[in-house]
PDB file of N, CA and C in Angstrom:
ATOM      1  N   MET A   1       0.749  -1.209  -0.042  1.00  0.00           N
ATOM      2  CA  MET A   1       0.105  -0.062  -0.007  1.00  0.00           C
ATOM      3  C   MET A   1       0.693   1.175  -0.002  1.00  0.00           C
ATOM      4  N   ILE A   2       1.817   1.511   0.738  1.00  0.00           N
ATOM      5  CA  ILE A   2       2.631   2.535   0.875  1.00  0.00           C
ATOM      6  C   ILE A   2       3.496   2.618  -0.294  1.00  0.00           C
ATOM      7  N   GLY A   3       4.081   1.386  -1.047  1.00  0.00           N
ATOM      8  CA  GLY A   3       4.463   1.621  -2.211  1.00  0.00           C
ATOM      9  C   GLY A   3       3.755   2.219  -3.374  1.00  0.00           C
ATOM     10  N   ARG A   4       2.496   1.870  -3.222  1.00  0.00           N
ATOM     11  CA  ARG A   4       1.631   2.434  -4.416  1.00  0.00           C
ATOM     12  C   ARG A   4       1.487   4.155  -4.122  1.00  0.00           C
ATOM     13  N   VAL A   5       1.306   4.604  -2.929  1.00  0.00           N
ATOM     14  CA  VAL A   5       1.242   5.738  -2.722  1.00  0.00           C
ATOM     15  C   VAL A   5       2.541   6.596  -2.939  1.00  0.00           C
ATOM     16  N   VAL A   6       3.915   5.893  -2.809  1.00  0.00           N
ATOM     17  CA  VAL A   6       4.924   6.611  -3.224  1.00  0.00           C
ATOM     18  C   VAL A   6       5.111   6.561  -4.639  1.00  0.00           C
ATOM     19  N   ALA A   7       4.589   5.721  -5.442  1.00  0.00           N
ATOM     20  CA  ALA A   7       4.710   5.598  -6.613  1.00  0.00           C
ATOM     21  C   ALA A   7       3.785   6.607  -7.402  1.00  0.00           C
ATOM     22  N   ALA A   8       2.600   6.912  -6.770  1.00  0.00           N
ATOM     23  CA  ALA A   8       1.469   7.764  -7.386  1.00  0.00           C
ATOM     24  C   ALA A   8       1.942   9.064  -7.099  1.00  0.00           C
ATOM     25  N   ALA A   9       2.805   9.396  -5.896  1.00  0.00           N
ATOM     26  CA  ALA A   9       3.292  10.602  -5.531  1.00  0.00           C
ATOM     27  C   ALA A   9       4.366  11.024  -6.637  1.00  0.00           C
ATOM     28  N   TYR A  10       5.403   9.999  -6.776  1.00  0.00           N
ATOM     29  CA  TYR A  10       6.379  10.136  -7.779  1.00  0.00           C
ATOM     30  C   TYR A  10       6.013  10.656  -9.217  1.00  0.00           C
ATOM     31  N   VAL A  11       4.818   9.978  -9.575  1.00  0.00           N
ATOM     32  CA  VAL A  11       4.293  10.170 -11.185  1.00  0.00           C
ATOM     33  C   VAL A  11       3.612  11.516 -10.937  1.00  0.00           C
ATOM     34  N   ALA A  12       2.975  11.702  -9.853  1.00  0.00           N
ATOM     35  CA  ALA A  12       2.410  13.126  -9.845  1.00  0.00           C
ATOM     36  C   ALA A  12       3.448  14.129  -9.777  1.00  0.00           C
ATOM     37  N   THR A  13       4.694  14.145  -9.237  1.00  0.00           N
ATOM     38  CA  THR A  13       5.696  15.169  -9.035  1.00  0.00           C
ATOM     39  C   THR A  13       6.288  15.153 -10.366  1.00  0.00           C
ATOM     40  N   VAL A  14       6.613  14.301 -11.230  1.00  0.00           N
ATOM     41  CA  VAL A  14       7.001  14.260 -12.552  1.00  0.00           C
ATOM     42  C   VAL A  14       6.181  15.109 -13.448  1.00  0.00           C
ATOM     43  N   THR A  15       4.737  14.671 -13.430  1.00  0.00           N
ATOM     44  CA  THR A  15       3.773  15.264 -14.084  1.00  0.00           C
ATOM     45  C   THR A  15       3.748  16.820 -13.752  1.00  0.00           C
ATOM     46  N   ALA A  16       3.678  17.217 -12.506  1.00  0.00           N
ATOM     47  CA  ALA A  16       3.750  18.643 -12.331  1.00  0.00           C
ATOM     48  C   ALA A  16       4.940  19.395 -12.802  1.00  0.00           C
ATOM     49  N   LEU A  17       6.024  18.717 -12.371  1.00  0.00           N
ATOM     50  CA  LEU A  17       7.263  19.523 -13.080  1.00  0.00           C
ATOM     51  C   LEU A  17       7.363  19.552 -14.512  1.00  0.00           C
ATOM     52  N   THR A  18       6.741  18.501 -15.210  1.00  0.00           N
ATOM     53  CA  THR A  18       6.765  18.940 -16.769  1.00  0.00           C
ATOM     54  C   THR A  18       5.856  19.901 -17.075  1.00  0.00           C
ATOM     55  N   ALA A  19       4.659  19.718 -16.576  1.00  0.00           N
ATOM     56  CA  ALA A  19       3.738  20.879 -16.892  1.00  0.00           C
ATOM     57  C   ALA A  19       4.177  22.187 -16.653  1.00  0.00           C
ATOM     58  N   TYR A  20       4.975  22.293 -15.436  1.00  0.00           N
ATOM     59  CA  TYR A  20       5.232  23.545 -15.211  1.00  0.00           C
ATOM     60  C   TYR A  20       6.428  23.993 -16.018  1.00  0.00           C
ATOM     61  N   ALA A  21       7.247  23.267 -16.514  1.00  0.00           N
ATOM     62  CA  ALA A  21       8.430  23.505 -17.520  1.00  0.00           C
ATOM     63  C   ALA A  21       7.958  23.735 -18.801  1.00  0.00           C
ATOM     64  N   PHE A  22       6.901  23.201 -19.307  1.00  0.00           N
ATOM     65  CA  PHE A  22       6.500  23.410 -20.626  1.00  0.00           C
ATOM     66  C   PHE A  22       5.237  24.309 -20.702  1.00  0.00           C
ATOM     67  N   ARG A  23       4.912  24.986 -19.653  1.00  0.00           N
ATOM     68  CA  ARG A  23       3.816  25.864 -19.758  1.00  0.00           C
ATOM     69  C   ARG A  23       3.868  27.174 -20.713  1.00  0.00           C
ATOM     70  N   PRO A  24       2.974  27.528 -21.206  1.00  0.00           N
ATOM     71  CA  PRO A  24       2.918  28.544 -22.246  1.00  0.00           C
ATOM     72  C   PRO A  24       3.700  29.894 -21.596  1.00  0.00           C
ATOM     73  N   GLY A  25       4.431  30.650 -22.292  1.00  0.00           N
ATOM     74  CA  GLY A  25       5.121  31.570 -22.065  1.00  0.00           C
ATOM     75  C   GLY A  25       6.523  31.447 -21.551  1.00  0.00           C
ATOM     76  N   VAL A  26       7.056  30.281 -21.456  1.00  0.00           N
ATOM     77  CA  VAL A  26       8.263  29.775 -21.202  1.00  0.00           C
ATOM     78  C   VAL A  26       9.229  29.443 -22.273  1.00  0.00           C
ATOM     79  N   ASP A  27      10.169  29.789 -22.336  1.00  0.00           N
ATOM     80  CA  ASP A  27      11.211  29.313 -23.529  1.00  0.00           C
ATOM     81  C   ASP A  27      12.415  28.921 -22.952  1.00  0.00           C
ATOM     82  N   GLY A  28      13.057  28.026 -23.803  1.00  0.00           N
ATOM     83  CA  GLY A  28      14.371  27.354 -23.286  1.00  0.00           C
ATOM     84  C   GLY A  28      14.379  26.536 -22.117  1.00  0.00           C
ATOM     85  N   PHE A  29      15.403  25.756 -21.910  1.00  0.00           N
ATOM     86  CA  PHE A  29      15.604  24.907 -20.745  1.00  0.00           C
ATOM     87  C   PHE A  29      15.473  25.419 -19.652  1.00  0.00           C
ATOM     88  N   ASN A  30      14.790  24.915 -18.500  1.00  0.00           N
ATOM     89  CA  ASN A  30      14.610  25.534 -17.182  1.00  0.00           C
ATOM     90  C   ASN A  30      14.900  24.358 -16.071  1.00  0.00           C
ATOM     91  N   VAL A  31      14.906  24.723 -15.017  1.00  0.00           N
ATOM     92  CA  VAL A  31      15.162  24.006 -13.881  1.00  0.00           C
ATOM     93  C   VAL A  31      14.146  22.796 -13.509  1.00  0.00           C
ATOM     94  N   ALA A  32      12.943  23.190 -13.829  1.00  0.00           N
ATOM     95  CA  ALA A  32      11.899  22.070 -13.534  1.00  0.00           C
ATOM     96  C   ALA A  32      11.926  20.938 -14.755  1.00  0.00           C
ATOM     97  N   GLU A  33      12.332  21.393 -15.932  1.00  0.00           N
ATOM     98  CA  GLU A  33      12.522  20.364 -16.928  1.00  0.00           C
ATOM     99  C   GLU A  33      13.829  19.380 -16.542  1.00  0.00           C
ATOM    100  N   GLY A  34      14.893  20.141 -15.951  1.00  0.00           N
ATOM    101  CA  GLY A  34      16.177  19.495 -15.769  1.00  0.00           C
ATOM    102  C   GLY A  34      15.806  18.215 -14.536  1.00  0.00           C
ATOM    103  N   LEU A  35      14.863  19.000 -13.574  1.00  0.00           N
ATOM    104  CA  LEU A  35      14.428  18.059 -12.442  1.00  0.00           C
ATOM    105  C   LEU A  35      13.725  16.769 -12.796  1.00  0.00           C
ATOM    106  N   ALA A  36      12.801  17.077 -13.830  1.00  0.00           N
ATOM    107  CA  ALA A  36      11.775  15.999 -14.343  1.00  0.00           C
ATOM    108  C   ALA A  36      12.529  14.888 -15.002  1.00  0.00           C
ATOM    109  N   ALA A  37      13.759  15.495 -15.840  1.00  0.00           N
ATOM    110  CA  ALA A  37      14.454  14.681 -16.519  1.00  0.00           C
ATOM    111  C   ALA A  37      15.373  13.766 -15.550  1.00  0.00           C
ATOM    112  N   ALA A  38      15.996  14.416 -14.626  1.00  0.00           N
ATOM    113  CA  ALA A  38      16.807  13.711 -13.594  1.00  0.00           C
ATOM    114  C   ALA A  38      16.050  12.677 -12.943  1.00  0.00           C
ATOM    115  N   VAL A  39      14.789  12.974 -12.436  1.00  0.00           N
ATOM    116  CA  VAL A  39      14.278  11.899 -11.613  1.00  0.00           C
ATOM    117  C   VAL A  39      13.615  10.829 -12.383  1.00  0.00           C
ATOM    118  N   THR A  40      13.726  10.915 -13.644  1.00  0.00           N
ATOM    119  CA  THR A  40      13.203   9.815 -14.486  1.00  0.00           C
ATOM    120  C   THR A  40      14.196   8.839 -14.815  1.00  0.00           C
ATOM    121  N   LEU A  41      15.391   9.114 -14.510  1.00  0.00           N
ATOM    122  CA  LEU A  41      16.503   8.115 -14.916  1.00  0.00           C
ATOM    123  C   LEU A  41      16.296   6.793 -14.453  1.00  0.00           C
ATOM    124  N   PRO A  42      16.639   5.832 -14.886  1.00  0.00           N
ATOM    125  CA  PRO A  42      17.228   5.707 -16.310  1.00  0.00           C
ATOM    126  C   PRO A  42      16.327   5.563 -17.267  1.00  0.00           C
ATOM    127  N   THR A  43      15.061   5.448 -17.029  1.00  0.00           N
ATOM    128  CA  THR A  43      14.110   5.246 -18.126  1.00  0.00           C
ATOM    129  C   THR A  43      13.957   6.191 -19.332  1.00  0.00           C
ATOM    130  N   ILE A  44      14.193   7.340 -18.834  1.00  0.00           N
ATOM    131  CA  ILE A  44      14.177   8.487 -20.023  1.00  0.00           C
ATOM    132  C   ILE A  44      15.341   8.360 -21.151  1.00  0.00           C
ATOM    133  N   ILE A  45      16.446   7.663 -20.634  1.00  0.00           N
ATOM    134  CA  ILE A  45      17.387   7.398 -21.663  1.00  0.00           C
ATOM    135  C   ILE A  45      16.801   6.698 -22.775  1.00  0.00           C
ATOM    136  N   VAL A  46      16.085   5.496 -22.591  1.00  0.00           N
ATOM    137  CA  VAL A  46      15.400   4.724 -23.491  1.00  0.00           C
ATOM    138  C   VAL A  46      14.260   5.419 -24.274  1.00  0.00           C
ATOM    139  N   ALA A  47      13.405   6.281 -23.390  1.00  0.00           N
ATOM    140  CA  ALA A  47      12.422   6.926 -23.917  1.00  0.00           C
ATOM    141  C   ALA A  47      12.779   8.350 -24.814  1.00  0.00           C
ATOM    142  N   LEU A  48      14.066   8.735 -24.566  1.00  0.00           N
ATOM    143  CA  LEU A  48      14.369  10.047 -25.411  1.00  0.00           C
ATOM    144  C   LEU A  48      14.175  10.114 -26.754  1.00  0.00           C
ATOM    145  N   PRO A  49      14.333   9.044 -27.733  1.00  0.00           N
ATOM    146  CA  PRO A  49      14.065   9.186 -29.021  1.00  0.00           C
ATOM    147  C   PRO A  49      12.562   9.451 -29.262  1.00  0.00           C
ATOM    148  N   VAL A  50      11.862   8.700 -28.482  1.00  0.00           N
ATOM    149  CA  VAL A  50      10.291   8.794 -28.762  1.00  0.00           C
ATOM    150  C   VAL A  50       9.789  10.287 -28.079  1.00  0.00           C
ATOM    151  N   ILE A  51      10.378  10.545 -26.916  1.00  0.00           N
ATOM    152  CA  ILE A  51      10.079  11.916 -26.574  1.00  0.00           C
ATOM    153  C   ILE A  51      10.379  12.938 -27.735  1.00  0.00           C
ATOM    154  N   TYR A  52      11.697  12.963 -28.180  1.00  0.00           N
ATOM    155  CA  TYR A  52      12.188  13.922 -29.327  1.00  0.00           C
ATOM    156  C   TYR A  52      11.226  13.965 -30.361  1.00  0.00           C
ATOM    157  N   VAL A  53      10.827  12.772 -30.908  1.00  0.00           N
ATOM    158  CA  VAL A  53      10.111  12.820 -32.250  1.00  0.00           C
ATOM    159  C   VAL A  53       8.637  13.336 -32.068  1.00  0.00           C
ATOM    160  N   VAL A  54       8.213  12.758 -30.975  1.00  0.00           N
ATOM    161  CA  VAL A  54       6.581  13.143 -30.690  1.00  0.00           C
ATOM    162  C   VAL A  54       6.663  14.579 -30.211  1.00  0.00           C
ATOM    163  N   GLY A  55       7.611  15.076 -29.516  1.00  0.00           N
ATOM    164  CA  GLY A  55       7.680  16.428 -29.158  1.00  0.00           C
ATOM    165  C   GLY A  55       7.781  17.324 -30.218  1.00  0.00           C
ATOM    166  N   ALA A  56       8.813  17.002 -31.108  1.00  0.00           N
ATOM    167  CA  ALA A  56       8.941  17.686 -32.283  1.00  0.00           C
ATOM    168  C   ALA A  56       7.680  17.616 -33.164  1.00  0.00           C
ATOM    169  N   LEU A  57       7.067  16.705 -33.300  1.00  0.00           N
ATOM    170  CA  LEU A  57       5.869  16.597 -34.000  1.00  0.00           C
ATOM    171  C   LEU A  57       4.611  17.822 -33.460  1.00  0.00           C
ATOM    172  N   ALA A  58       4.520  17.638 -32.190  1.00  0.00           N
ATOM    173  CA  ALA A  58       3.834  18.357 -31.371  1.00  0.00           C
ATOM    174  C   ALA A  58       4.100  20.032 -31.709  1.00  0.00           C
ATOM    175  N   TRP A  59       5.288  20.387 -31.593  1.00  0.00           N
ATOM    176  CA  TRP A  59       5.771  21.530 -31.839  1.00  0.00           C
ATOM    177  C   TRP A  59       5.643  22.197 -33.381  1.00  0.00           C
ATOM    178  N   THR A  60       5.855  21.182 -34.250  1.00  0.00           N
ATOM    179  CA  THR A  60       5.615  21.421 -35.686  1.00  0.00           C
ATOM    180  C   THR A  60       4.148  21.679 -35.848  1.00  0.00           C
ATOM    181  N   LEU A  61       3.224  20.876 -35.241  1.00  0.00           N
ATOM    182  CA  LEU A  61       1.826  20.902 -35.470  1.00  0.00           C
ATOM    183  C   LEU A  61       1.224  22.168 -34.824  1.00  0.00           C
ATOM    184  N   ALA A  62       1.929  22.579 -33.691  1.00  0.00           N
ATOM    185  CA  ALA A  62       1.364  23.935 -33.067  1.00  0.00           C
ATOM    186  C   ALA A  62       1.759  25.033 -33.857  1.00  0.00           C
ATOM    187  N   GLY A  63       2.735  25.080 -34.715  1.00  0.00           N
ATOM    188  CA  GLY A  63       2.991  25.879 -35.642  1.00  0.00           C
ATOM    189  C   GLY A  63       3.385  27.604 -34.997  1.00  0.00           C
ATOM    190  N   THR A  64       3.763  27.342 -33.712  1.00  0.00           N
ATOM    191  CA  THR A  64       4.224  28.471 -32.927  1.00  0.00           C
ATOM    192  C   THR A  64       5.777  29.201 -33.334  1.00  0.00           C
ATOM    193  N   GLU A  65       5.468  30.480 -33.895  1.00  0.00           N
ATOM    194  CA  GLU A  65       6.560  31.126 -34.491  1.00  0.00           C
ATOM    195  C   GLU A  65       7.466  31.644 -33.253  1.00  0.00           C
ATOM    196  N   SER A  66       7.060  32.125 -32.085  1.00  0.00           N
ATOM    197  CA  SER A  66       7.733  32.473 -31.034  1.00  0.00           C
ATOM    198  C   SER A  66       8.619  31.628 -30.200  1.00  0.00           C
ATOM    199  N   GLY A  67       8.299  30.306 -30.451  1.00  0.00           N
ATOM    200  CA  GLY A  67       8.903  29.214 -29.751  1.00  0.00           C
ATOM    201  C   GLY A  67       8.494  28.956 -28.196  1.00  0.00           C
ATOM    202  N   ASP A  68       7.324  29.647 -28.000  1.00  0.00           N
ATOM    203  CA  ASP A  68       6.828  29.541 -26.683  1.00  0.00           C
ATOM    204  C   ASP A  68       5.963  27.960 -26.810  1.00  0.00           C
ATOM    205  N   PRO A  69       5.872  27.295 -25.670  1.00  0.00           N
ATOM    206  CA  PRO A  69       5.005  26.254 -25.816  1.00  0.00           C
ATOM    207  C   PRO A  69       3.533  26.787 -25.709  1.00  0.00           C
ATOM    208  N   THR A  70       2.563  25.891 -26.432  1.00  0.00           N
ATOM    209  CA  THR A  70       1.185  26.126 -26.455  1.00  0.00           C
ATOM    210  C   THR A  70       0.510  25.126 -25.557  1.00  0.00           C
ATOM    211  N   PRO A  71      -0.696  25.261 -25.240  1.00  0.00           N
ATOM    212  CA  PRO A  71      -1.149  24.296 -24.546  1.00  0.00           C
ATOM    213  C   PRO A  71      -1.292  22.777 -24.866  1.00  0.00           C
ATOM    214  N   GLY A  72      -1.147  22.742 -26.173  1.00  0.00           N
ATOM    215  CA  GLY A  72      -1.043  21.285 -26.959  1.00  0.00           C
ATOM    216  C   GLY A  72       0.369  20.520 -26.639  1.00  0.00           C
ATOM    217  N   ILE A  73       1.438  21.637 -26.525  1.00  0.00           N
ATOM    218  CA  ILE A  73       2.776  21.132 -26.479  1.00  0.00           C
ATOM    219  C   ILE A  73       2.739  20.776 -25.033  1.00  0.00           C
ATOM    220  N   THR A  74       2.416  21.523 -24.091  1.00  0.00           N
ATOM    221  CA  THR A  74       2.379  21.223 -22.467  1.00  0.00           C
ATOM    222  C   THR A  74       1.803  19.800 -22.562  1.00  0.00           C
ATOM    223  N   VAL A  75       0.643  19.725 -22.887  1.00  0.00           N
ATOM    224  CA  VAL A  75      -0.226  18.322 -22.508  1.00  0.00           C
ATOM    225  C   VAL A  75       0.812  17.133 -23.187  1.00  0.00           C
ATOM    226  N   THR A  76       1.324  17.378 -24.368  1.00  0.00           N
ATOM    227  CA  THR A  76       2.035  16.280 -25.101  1.00  0.00           C
ATOM    228  C   THR A  76       3.290  15.885 -24.179  1.00  0.00           C
ATOM    229  N   PHE A  77       4.117  16.825 -23.827  1.00  0.00           N
ATOM    230  CA  PHE A  77       5.249  16.556 -22.977  1.00  0.00           C
ATOM    231  C   PHE A  77       4.874  16.134 -21.701  1.00  0.00           C
ATOM    232  N   THR A  78       3.811  16.641 -21.138  1.00  0.00           N
ATOM    233  CA  THR A  78       3.402  16.120 -19.434  1.00  0.00           C
ATOM    234  C   THR A  78       2.939  14.617 -19.571  1.00  0.00           C
ATOM    235  N   VAL A  79       2.069  14.399 -20.882  1.00  0.00           N
ATOM    236  CA  VAL A  79       1.619  12.709 -20.924  1.00  0.00           C
ATOM    237  C   VAL A  79       2.954  12.055 -21.160  1.00  0.00           C
ATOM    238  N   LEU A  80       3.754  12.542 -21.938  1.00  0.00           N
ATOM    239  CA  LEU A  80       5.073  11.699 -22.470  1.00  0.00           C
ATOM    240  C   LEU A  80       6.021  11.446 -21.112  1.00  0.00           C
ATOM    241  N   MET A  81       6.051  12.275 -20.264  1.00  0.00           N
ATOM    242  CA  MET A  81       6.900  12.250 -19.121  1.00  0.00           C
ATOM    243  C   MET A  81       6.111  11.388 -17.969  1.00  0.00           C
ATOM    244  N   ALA A  82       4.896  11.553 -17.975  1.00  0.00           N
ATOM    245  CA  ALA A  82       4.020  10.847 -17.005  1.00  0.00           C
ATOM    246  C   ALA A  82       4.259   9.228 -17.241  1.00  0.00           C
ATOM    247  N   ALA A  83       4.144   9.082 -18.743  1.00  0.00           N
ATOM    248  CA  ALA A  83       4.453   7.636 -18.990  1.00  0.00           C
ATOM    249  C   ALA A  83       5.929   7.025 -18.577  1.00  0.00           C
ATOM    250  N   VAL A  84       6.642   8.126 -18.757  1.00  0.00           N
ATOM    251  CA  VAL A  84       8.254   7.683 -18.321  1.00  0.00           C
ATOM    252  C   VAL A  84       8.266   7.319 -17.022  1.00  0.00           C
ATOM    253  N   ALA A  85       7.660   8.137 -16.200  1.00  0.00           N
ATOM    254  CA  ALA A  85       7.519   7.871 -14.595  1.00  0.00           C
ATOM    255  C   ALA A  85       6.790   6.669 -14.368  1.00  0.00           C
ATOM    256  N   ILE A  86       5.778   6.424 -14.928  1.00  0.00           N
ATOM    257  CA  ILE A  86       5.014   5.162 -14.844  1.00  0.00           C
ATOM    258  C   ILE A  86       5.903   4.146 -15.032  1.00  0.00           C
ATOM    259  N   ALA A  87       6.604   4.067 -16.251  1.00  0.00           N
ATOM    260  CA  ALA A  87       7.469   2.960 -16.341  1.00  0.00           C
ATOM    261  C   ALA A  87       8.588   2.811 -15.387  1.00  0.00           C
ATOM    262  N   ASN A  88       9.326   4.012 -14.969  1.00  0.00           N
ATOM    263  CA  ASN A  88      10.109   3.786 -13.928  1.00  0.00           C
ATOM    264  C   ASN A  88       9.714   3.113 -12.609  1.00  0.00           C
ATOM    265  N   ALA A  89       8.325   3.638 -12.196  1.00  0.00           N
ATOM    266  CA  ALA A  89       7.779   2.985 -11.076  1.00  0.00           C
ATOM    267  C   ALA A  89       7.544   1.575 -11.233  1.00  0.00           C
ATOM    268  N   TRP A  90       7.002   1.156 -12.296  1.00  0.00           N
ATOM    269  CA  TRP A  90       6.952  -0.279 -12.657  1.00  0.00           C
ATOM    270  C   TRP A  90       8.126  -1.062 -12.650  1.00  0.00           C
ATOM    271  N   LEU A  91       9.034  -0.514 -13.215  1.00  0.00           N
ATOM    272  CA  LEU A  91      10.604  -1.127 -13.064  1.00  0.00           C
ATOM    273  C   LEU A  91      11.009  -1.526 -11.733  1.00  0.00           C
ATOM    274  N   LEU A  92      10.853  -0.327 -10.904  1.00  0.00           N
ATOM    275  CA  LEU A  92      11.357  -0.375  -9.631  1.00  0.00           C
ATOM    276  C   LEU A  92      10.419  -1.447  -8.827  1.00  0.00           C
ATOM    277  N   SER A  93       9.241  -1.374  -8.937  1.00  0.00           N
ATOM    278  CA  SER A  93       8.480  -2.378  -8.229  1.00  0.00           C
ATOM    279  C   SER A  93       8.641  -3.764  -8.562  1.00  0.00           C
ATOM    280  N   LEU A  94       9.098  -4.068 -10.058  1.00  0.00           N
ATOM    281  CA  LEU A  94       9.583  -5.400 -10.508  1.00  0.00           C
ATOM    282  C   LEU A  94      10.676  -5.898  -9.779  1.00  0.00           C
ATOM    283  N   ALA A  95      11.672  -4.936  -9.742  1.00  0.00           N
ATOM    284  CA  ALA A  95      13.052  -5.259  -9.222  1.00  0.00           C
ATOM    285  C   ALA A  95      12.829  -5.584  -7.693  1.00  0.00           C
ATOM    286  N   TRP A  96      12.110  -4.582  -6.832  1.00  0.00           N
ATOM    287  CA  TRP A  96      11.650  -5.053  -5.597  1.00  0.00           C
ATOM    288  C   TRP A  96      11.225  -6.253  -5.168  1.00  0.00           C
ATOM    289  N   ARG A  97      10.210  -6.745  -6.124  1.00  0.00           N
ATOM    290  CA  ARG A  97       9.492  -8.181  -5.837  1.00  0.00           C
ATOM    291  C   ARG A  97      10.457  -9.135  -6.149  1.00  0.00           C
ATOM    292  N   ARG A  98      11.349  -9.023  -7.186  1.00  0.00           N
ATOM    293  CA  ARG A  98      12.373  -9.965  -7.464  1.00  0.00           C
ATOM    294  C   ARG A  98      13.420 -10.241  -6.436  1.00  0.00           C
ATOM    295  N   LEU A  99      13.877  -8.929  -5.738  1.00  0.00           N
ATOM    296  CA  LEU A  99      14.848  -9.018  -4.859  1.00  0.00           C
ATOM    297  C   LEU A  99      14.075  -9.603  -3.399  1.00  0.00           C
ATOM    298  N   ARG A 100      12.857  -9.492  -3.088  1.00  0.00           N
ATOM    299  CA  ARG A 100      12.243 -10.037  -2.159  1.00  0.00           C
ATOM    300  C   ARG A 100      11.943 -11.549  -2.243  1.00  0.00           C
ATOM    301  N   ALA A 101      11.702 -12.095  -3.415  1.00  0.00           N
ATOM    302  CA  ALA A 101      11.617 -13.437  -3.777  1.00  0.00           C
ATOM    303  C   ALA A 101      12.829 -14.187  -3.582  1.00  0.00           C
ATOM    304  N   ARG A 102      13.940 -13.519  -4.019  1.00  0.00           N
ATOM    305  CA  ARG A 102      15.398 -14.076  -3.976  1.00  0.00           C
ATOM    306  C   ARG A 102      15.798 -14.082  -2.418  1.00  0.00           C
ATOM    307  N   ARG A 103      15.407 -13.211  -1.699  1.00  0.00           N
ATOM    308  CA  ARG A 103      15.578 -13.306  -0.167  1.00  0.00           C
ATOM    309  C   ARG A 103      14.759 -14.332   0.487  1.00  0.00           C
ATOM    310  N   ALA A 104      13.702 -14.517  -0.076  1.00  0.00           N
ATOM    311  CA  ALA A 104      12.939 -15.481   0.785  1.00  0.00           C
ATOM    312  C   ALA A 104      13.286 -16.839   0.429  1.00  0.00           C
ATOM    313  N   SER A 105      13.341 -16.828  -0.793  1.00  0.00           N
ATOM    314  CA  SER A 105      14.235 -18.454  -1.341  1.00  0.00           C
ATOM    315  C   SER A 105      15.615 -18.898  -0.710  1.00  0.00           C
ATOM    316  N   SER A 106      16.314 -17.929  -0.409  1.00  0.00           N
ATOM    317  CA  SER A 106      17.590 -18.125   0.185  1.00  0.00           C
ATOM    318  C   SER A 106      17.696 -18.344   1.610  1.00  0.00           C
ATOM    319  N   GLY A 107      16.646 -17.877   2.254  1.00  0.00           N
ATOM    320  CA  GLY A 107      16.586 -17.598   3.711  1.00  0.00           C
ATOM    321  C   GLY A 107      15.935 -18.599   4.187  1.00  0.00           C
TER     322      GLY A 107
END
């Protein structure tokens, strides 16, 4: 139960950081974007090509000339990073279960 609460808080934190980093009116790399990327390691490394391609497509479809994110871009990146956070939480849960199973079988 506690693990699920922690996982949900983790996903919510990554989602909030990403939404804040890509909010309309902000341009360029910022601290919130860096934190969201850092806390989603290692899964973000595998997901970066997808994030880049889908994000570039969203930016192209938005047609923004100023370089500022639009609400569609914010939603796109937020959903992508939430998916990365969910994958990270799942991988950690899987690793934890396997570790507990090994300890139980060896003890």
